[in-house]
Structures are given as C-alpha cells and as structure tokens.
C-alpha cells in the first residue's frame, strides 16, 4: 500500500506566529489529491483543523473514533486529538484542509463564540458541507495570486470558512435581510422560515422541526406562510427538495445517493415521488442533463476549432 504519497499536493505550512489574518493564526492550508491507499502518519493535533472532502472516499480516525468520508463531507479535528487518514484504494480522496488557531487576546464577542465552539467536544462530522467548498477554492487561489490584496482576501475567506463550519455544525439558520424594510413580525417569521428550510433542507426530517425552531405551532406557521407568499408551506418545501435533488443529479451524484441525501427511505420511494412531481423519472432527467452537457461541450470545441 502506498503511504504518505499524493498525486498533487498544494500545501502552505507556517511554523511561526507571523501568518496572522485578522483574529486567526494560519498554520496550514492545502489541497491534497491522494494516490490509492494514501495514508497520513498518526499525529496529535496542535491546532484546529477543518477538512472538506472534494472527491473520493476514505477513512478518517479521530482518537478512538472512525469516520467514513466521501464527497461533500466535512470534519473537524480539535487540539489534542489523535488524527490519521487512509484513502480508498479504489476511489482515492481529494480534500481541502485548513489548520488554524485563534489569536490571543480575543477582543470580539463573535470570535470568542467561534473559539468556544471549536474547543467544545461533540459532533465532528457532517455530510452537507458543500457550502464551504467555494471559499476553500478562493482562499487557495489567493495564495497562488499573491498580489497586494491577497492577505485581505485570505482573511475574508478564512472567516467565511470558519463561520460557515460553525453554522453547519450548529445548524443555525440565516436571518434574512428584509427587502421591504418592514418590521412586521409575520413577515420576519416567514422570511426566517424560508431561510431555515433552505439552509437545513437535507437535515430536516419533517416540517414539524419548524415548530421546535420558532416556538409556534405548525398550523400557525403554515397559515402565516401561505398568507404572505400565496404558496403553501408544504408546496414550498417539496419544491425546494426536488430543486436540490436536481442540483445533485446535475453534479453527477447517483440516484441512490440523491435519495439518501434527500431523506427518502429507498431509491424506489424517491423515484416515485420525483416522477410524480417532475413528470419524468430521475434517470431520464439525469440522462437529459448528461446529453445536454455533451452537446454543449461539443459545440464549444467546434467553435474553438
């Protein structure tokens, strides 16, 4: 088995306290594309680390716990934890990672809250970490660009990643900006419900979670939602679920995996519900999208030649 080898390894490592970006001390950031069977050496974490799996599968070890990781998964390792990674032989990992600490003394209440979150024990893995992917790609690009604005942007993208991870793990929903400028309580409730559904689409077991999140009965929330939007709460939730399913299908996810991500008990239940709502089977939609991409690629190639 190949050990400690990688096809491509972009890595910036800093051993001193000189790499300060706002409230953060950056120790390590990188993009690692593994060879089959790649294995890191077991080590004790000196700083906090965020790992996002971009592709492939593998096993991550944190102390005595084992986590099977795949595309879209996000994992936190904390100071003092023993950590190791073994990539799959058949479907090698590619992952982004960020090793950091908080600059002392902490002067911001918000940064102190982030530090408390990363220090606490608890859940370390989630399967819906895709929202941090773009920020990782942007911050890595800034290390390559290295122009007069790069340090400023690196700080901004680090903040986006760290805050994004906090939100994903704590399952906080986004308070929306009210375009109307209204302070109407019903409007604020409905806008917040919309954002809660959008952010927690994959982790919500059912719409009754809204009652626990907002402290109102489901009937009250549904009535306010329908009165303001002209659409039933159930219809909006269903629409967003299948929009998300289509997004995954376009990205190449298998129908079985999409069914799992969207909370269906089986691929058959998902396929029936999908066809009833969309009018075509998910495999047909997937095929149409693949053919459309091929046609677009062929057209682009023709234009170039």
Protein backbone atom coordinates (compact mmCIF):
# COMPACT_ATOMS: atom_id res chain seq x y z
CA UNK A 1 0.00 0.00 0.00
CA UNK A 2 1.43 3.42 -0.91
CA UNK A 3 1.81 5.50 2.24
CA UNK A 4 2.14 9.27 2.63
CA UNK A 5 2.04 9.86 -1.13
CA UNK A 6 -0.12 12.19 -3.16
CA UNK A 7 -0.66 12.86 -6.86
CA UNK A 8 -0.97 16.59 -6.23
CA UNK A 9 -0.25 18.40 -3.01
CA UNK A 10 -0.63 22.16 -2.74
CA UNK A 11 0.48 22.95 0.79
CA UNK A 12 1.37 26.08 2.71
CA UNK A 13 2.67 25.42 6.23
CA UNK A 14 3.70 28.08 8.74
CA UNK A 15 5.69 27.24 11.86
CA UNK A 16 5.71 30.70 13.46
CA UNK A 17 3.12 33.17 14.65
CA UNK A 18 3.87 35.51 11.75
CA UNK A 19 0.99 34.43 9.50
CA UNK A 20 -1.78 36.39 11.17
CA UNK A 21 -5.00 37.03 9.29
CA UNK A 22 -7.27 39.17 11.44
CA UNK A 23 -8.28 37.11 14.52
CA UNK A 24 -6.76 33.89 13.11
CA UNK A 25 -3.32 32.33 13.09
CA UNK A 26 -2.86 30.26 9.95
CA UNK A 27 -0.67 27.19 10.34
CA UNK A 28 -1.54 25.06 7.36
CA UNK A 29 -3.79 25.11 4.32
CA UNK A 30 -3.81 22.84 1.31
CA UNK A 31 -5.40 20.78 -1.41
CA UNK A 32 -4.35 17.14 -1.40
CA UNK A 33 -5.16 14.67 -4.17
CA UNK A 34 -4.25 11.19 -2.92
CA UNK A 35 -2.91 8.13 -4.62
CA UNK A 36 -4.78 4.86 -3.90
CA UNK A 37 -4.15 3.81 -0.31
CA UNK A 38 -2.55 7.10 0.71
CA UNK A 39 -2.08 7.27 4.47
CA UNK A 40 -1.03 10.09 6.75
CA UNK A 41 1.05 9.35 9.81
CA UNK A 42 -0.91 9.38 13.05
CA UNK A 43 -0.33 12.65 14.85
CA UNK A 44 -1.69 14.77 17.68
CA UNK A 45 -3.42 17.95 16.56
CA UNK A 46 -1.57 21.07 17.68
CA UNK A 47 -4.23 23.38 16.22
CA UNK A 48 -7.82 23.20 14.99
CA UNK A 49 -8.28 21.64 11.57
CA UNK A 50 -11.15 21.71 9.09
CA UNK A 51 -11.16 19.06 6.35
CA UNK A 52 -13.56 19.08 3.39
CA UNK A 53 -13.72 16.11 1.00
CA UNK A 54 -13.86 17.29 -2.58
CA UNK A 55 -13.91 13.82 -4.18
CA UNK A 56 -13.29 10.14 -3.47
CA UNK A 57 -13.67 8.14 -0.28
CA UNK A 58 -11.54 7.27 2.71
CA UNK A 59 -11.42 6.70 6.45
CA UNK A 60 -10.60 9.41 8.98
CA UNK A 61 -9.56 8.49 12.51
CA UNK A 62 -10.08 10.90 15.42
CA UNK A 63 -8.91 9.46 18.75
CA UNK A 64 -10.76 6.13 19.00
CA UNK A 65 -13.48 7.03 16.52
CA UNK A 66 -13.66 6.11 12.84
CA UNK A 67 -15.41 8.16 10.16
CA UNK A 68 -16.08 7.00 6.60
CA UNK A 69 -15.74 10.10 4.43
CA UNK A 70 -16.93 10.87 0.90
CA UNK A 71 -17.58 13.82 -1.39
CA UNK A 72 -19.26 16.71 0.43
CA UNK A 73 -18.32 15.53 3.93
CA UNK A 74 -16.82 17.94 6.43
CA UNK A 75 -14.78 17.01 9.51
CA UNK A 76 -13.33 18.97 12.44
CA UNK A 77 -10.33 17.83 14.45
CA UNK A 78 -9.56 19.70 17.65
CA UNK A 79 -6.42 20.39 19.63
CA UNK A 80 -5.03 17.34 21.40
CA UNK A 81 -6.93 14.79 19.33
CA UNK A 82 -5.04 11.96 17.63
CA UNK A 83 -5.69 12.01 13.91
CA UNK A 84 -4.99 9.86 10.87
CA UNK A 85 -6.36 9.50 7.30
CA UNK A 86 -6.37 6.50 4.96
CA UNK A 87 -7.55 6.98 1.38
CA UNK A 88 -9.55 4.37 -0.50
CA UNK A 89 -7.69 2.07 -2.89
CA UNK A 90 -10.46 2.21 -5.49
CA UNK A 91 -11.71 5.79 -5.16
CA UNK A 92 -8.85 7.95 -3.82
CA UNK A 93 -9.53 11.04 -1.77
CA UNK A 94 -9.07 14.64 -2.73
CA UNK A 95 -9.58 17.02 0.15
CA UNK A 96 -9.05 20.60 1.28
CA UNK A 97 -7.75 21.30 4.78
CA UNK A 98 -7.26 24.33 6.98
CA UNK A 99 -5.19 24.28 10.20
CA UNK A 100 -5.60 27.38 12.35
CA UNK A 101 -5.82 28.85 15.82
CA UNK A 102 -7.28 31.99 17.37
CA UNK A 103 -5.05 34.99 18.03
CA UNK A 104 -4.97 35.95 21.70
CA UNK A 105 -6.26 38.05 23.29
CA UNK A 106 -9.68 37.75 21.68
CA UNK A 107 -11.36 41.13 21.54
CA UNK A 108 -14.53 40.22 19.65
CA UNK A 109 -17.51 38.52 21.27
CA UNK A 110 -18.30 36.80 17.96
CA UNK A 111 -14.79 35.39 17.59
CA UNK A 112 -14.91 34.26 21.23
CA UNK A 113 -18.13 32.37 20.40
CA UNK A 114 -16.39 30.71 17.45
CA UNK A 115 -13.44 29.70 19.67
CA UNK A 116 -15.79 28.18 22.24
CA UNK A 117 -17.47 26.16 19.51
CA UNK A 118 -14.19 24.75 18.19
CA UNK A 119 -12.99 23.93 21.70
CA UNK A 120 -16.08 22.02 22.76
CA UNK A 121 -16.34 18.27 22.36
CA UNK A 122 -19.18 16.80 20.34
CA UNK A 123 -20.13 16.18 16.74
CA UNK A 124 -17.14 16.32 14.37
CA UNK A 125 -18.59 15.22 11.01
CA UNK A 126 -21.43 16.41 8.79
CA UNK A 127 -22.43 15.29 5.31
CA UNK A 128 -23.70 18.61 3.94
CA UNK A 129 -20.55 20.70 3.98
CA UNK A 130 -20.67 21.82 0.36
CA UNK A 131 -21.27 25.46 1.26
CA UNK A 132 -17.59 25.89 2.27
CA UNK A 133 -16.17 24.47 -0.98
CA UNK A 134 -16.15 27.74 -2.91
CA UNK A 135 -14.48 29.64 -0.04
CA UNK A 136 -11.74 26.99 0.10
CA UNK A 137 -11.14 27.33 -3.63
CA UNK A 138 -11.00 31.11 -3.36
CA UNK A 139 -8.54 31.18 -0.46
CA UNK A 140 -6.23 28.68 -2.17
CA UNK A 141 -6.33 30.82 -5.32
CA UNK A 142 -5.18 33.84 -3.31
CA UNK A 143 -2.01 32.04 -2.22
CA UNK A 144 -1.22 31.47 -5.88
CA UNK A 145 -2.15 35.03 -6.90
CA UNK A 146 -0.22 36.66 -4.05
CA UNK A 147 -0.92 40.25 -5.04
CA UNK A 148 -1.40 43.39 -2.97
CA UNK A 149 -4.94 42.40 -1.95
CA UNK A 150 -4.32 38.71 -1.26
CA UNK A 151 -3.79 38.99 2.50
CA UNK A 152 -7.03 40.92 2.89
CA UNK A 153 -8.95 38.36 0.86
CA UNK A 154 -7.31 35.39 2.62
CA UNK A 155 -8.57 36.76 5.93
CA UNK A 156 -12.07 37.21 4.47
CA UNK A 157 -12.21 33.68 3.03
CA UNK A 158 -10.81 32.13 6.23
CA UNK A 159 -13.54 33.93 8.13
CA UNK A 160 -16.12 32.63 5.65
CA UNK A 161 -14.91 29.04 6.06
CA UNK A 162 -14.73 29.14 9.86
CA UNK A 163 -18.10 30.88 10.25
CA UNK A 164 -19.62 28.55 7.65
CA UNK A 165 -18.43 25.48 9.56
CA UNK A 166 -19.84 26.90 12.78
CA UNK A 167 -23.22 27.43 11.14
CA UNK A 168 -23.27 23.98 9.53
CA UNK A 169 -22.45 22.16 12.75
CA UNK A 170 -24.67 24.23 15.00
CA UNK A 171 -27.44 24.12 12.37
CA UNK A 172 -28.10 27.80 12.81
CA UNK A 173 -30.37 29.34 10.22
CA UNK A 174 -29.73 32.61 8.46
CA UNK A 175 -31.65 35.69 9.47
CA UNK A 176 -32.72 37.22 6.21
CA UNK A 177 -32.45 40.77 5.02
CA UNK A 178 -35.96 42.15 4.57
CA UNK A 179 -36.04 43.85 1.18
CA UNK A 180 -39.23 45.66 2.07
CA UNK A 181 -37.63 47.17 5.15
CA UNK A 182 -40.67 46.12 7.12
CA UNK A 183 -40.54 45.26 10.80
CA UNK A 184 -43.78 43.31 10.56
CA UNK A 185 -43.49 40.25 12.82
CA UNK A 186 -45.31 37.97 10.39
CA UNK A 187 -43.02 38.96 7.52
CA UNK A 188 -39.94 38.34 9.63
CA UNK A 189 -41.24 34.95 10.69
CA UNK A 190 -41.97 33.87 7.11
CA UNK A 191 -38.63 35.11 5.76
CA UNK A 192 -36.83 33.28 8.55
CA UNK A 193 -38.81 30.10 7.86
CA UNK A 194 -37.82 30.28 4.18
CA UNK A 195 -34.15 30.63 5.11
CA UNK A 196 -34.38 27.88 7.71
CA UNK A 197 -35.79 25.47 5.12
CA UNK A 198 -33.20 26.43 2.51
CA UNK A 199 -30.25 26.01 4.89
CA UNK A 200 -31.48 22.85 6.65
CA UNK A 201 -33.09 21.17 3.66
CA UNK A 202 -31.12 17.93 3.97
CA UNK A 203 -31.09 17.65 7.77
CA UNK A 204 -34.81 18.37 8.33
CA UNK A 205 -36.67 15.13 8.97
CA UNK A 206 -40.06 16.82 8.53
CA UNK A 207 -41.73 20.22 8.71
CA UNK A 208 -42.59 19.77 12.38
CA UNK A 209 -38.97 20.84 13.04
CA UNK A 210 -40.16 24.39 12.31
CA UNK A 211 -42.31 24.36 15.45
CA UNK A 212 -39.32 23.48 17.61
CA UNK A 213 -37.12 26.05 15.88
CA UNK A 214 -39.51 29.00 16.08
CA UNK A 215 -41.73 28.23 19.08
CA UNK A 216 -45.02 28.40 17.16
CA UNK A 217 -47.40 25.64 16.20
CA UNK A 218 -47.05 24.20 12.71
CA UNK A 219 -50.57 25.42 11.87
CA UNK A 220 -49.70 29.00 12.85
CA UNK A 221 -46.52 28.98 10.78
CA UNK A 222 -48.25 27.40 7.77
CA UNK A 223 -51.08 29.96 7.85
CA UNK A 224 -48.71 32.93 8.03
CA UNK A 225 -46.55 31.45 5.26
CA UNK A 226 -49.48 30.92 2.91
CA UNK A 227 -50.97 34.35 3.61
CA UNK A 228 -47.73 36.16 2.78
CA UNK A 229 -46.38 34.09 -0.10
CA UNK A 230 -49.53 32.73 -1.72
CA UNK A 231 -47.94 29.26 -1.60
CA UNK A 232 -48.46 26.53 0.94
CA UNK A 233 -45.60 25.69 3.28
CA UNK A 234 -45.66 22.06 2.17
CA UNK A 235 -45.56 23.04 -1.51
CA UNK A 236 -42.53 25.29 -0.94
CA UNK A 237 -40.69 22.58 0.97
CA UNK A 238 -41.46 19.99 -1.72
CA UNK A 239 -40.34 22.35 -4.49
CA UNK A 240 -37.04 23.09 -2.75
CA UNK A 241 -36.37 19.39 -2.12
CA UNK A 242 -36.69 18.50 -5.78
CA UNK A 243 -34.72 21.56 -6.87
CA UNK A 244 -31.94 20.36 -4.58
CA UNK A 245 -32.29 16.81 -5.92
CA UNK A 246 -31.90 18.14 -9.47
CA UNK A 247 -28.80 20.06 -8.42
CA UNK A 248 -27.21 16.84 -7.16
CA UNK A 249 -28.23 14.90 -10.27
CA UNK A 250 -26.65 17.58 -12.48
CA UNK A 251 -23.45 17.31 -10.47
CA UNK A 252 -23.21 13.59 -11.21
CA UNK A 253 -24.48 12.05 -7.97
CA UNK A 254 -26.05 8.61 -8.33
CA UNK A 255 -29.82 8.37 -7.93
CA UNK A 256 -29.31 6.14 -4.89
CA UNK A 257 -27.10 8.76 -3.23
CA UNK A 258 -29.52 11.60 -4.03
CA UNK A 259 -32.35 9.59 -2.47
CA UNK A 260 -30.25 9.19 0.69
CA UNK A 261 -29.27 12.85 0.83
CA UNK A 262 -32.88 13.99 0.46
CA UNK A 263 -34.09 11.69 3.24
CA UNK A 264 -36.06 9.09 1.27
CA UNK A 265 -36.20 5.58 2.73
CA UNK A 266 -35.42 3.92 -0.60
CA UNK A 267 -34.50 4.71 -4.18
CA UNK A 268 -37.92 3.43 -5.25
CA UNK A 269 -39.74 5.86 -2.95
CA UNK A 270 -37.59 8.71 -4.26
CA UNK A 271 -38.13 7.74 -7.91
CA UNK A 272 -41.92 7.54 -7.46
CA UNK A 273 -42.09 10.91 -5.69
CA UNK A 274 -39.72 12.50 -8.20
CA UNK A 275 -41.70 11.32 -11.23
CA UNK A 276 -44.98 12.39 -9.66
CA UNK A 277 -43.64 15.91 -9.06
CA UNK A 278 -41.34 16.40 -12.07
CA UNK A 279 -43.25 14.40 -14.66
CA UNK A 280 -40.21 12.31 -15.62
CA UNK A 281 -38.10 9.71 -13.84
CA UNK A 282 -34.84 10.87 -12.22
CA UNK A 283 -32.80 8.64 -14.54
CA UNK A 284 -34.41 10.40 -17.54
CA UNK A 285 -33.59 13.82 -16.11
CA UNK A 286 -30.03 12.72 -15.41
CA UNK A 287 -29.69 11.40 -18.98
CA UNK A 288 -31.06 14.62 -20.47
CA UNK A 289 -28.58 16.71 -18.47
CA UNK A 290 -25.66 14.49 -19.50
CA UNK A 291 -26.64 14.73 -23.16
CA UNK A 292 -27.04 18.50 -22.85
CA UNK A 293 -23.55 18.84 -21.33
CA UNK A 294 -22.01 16.70 -24.07
CA UNK A 295 -23.74 18.74 -26.77
CA UNK A 296 -22.59 21.98 -25.15
CA UNK A 297 -19.02 20.71 -24.85
CA UNK A 298 -19.02 19.56 -28.49
CA UNK A 299 -20.36 22.95 -29.60
CA UNK A 300 -17.67 24.76 -27.62
CA UNK A 301 -14.95 22.55 -29.07
CA UNK A 302 -16.29 23.16 -32.59
CA UNK A 303 -16.25 26.91 -32.05
CA UNK A 304 -12.64 26.77 -30.89
CA UNK A 305 -11.55 24.79 -33.93
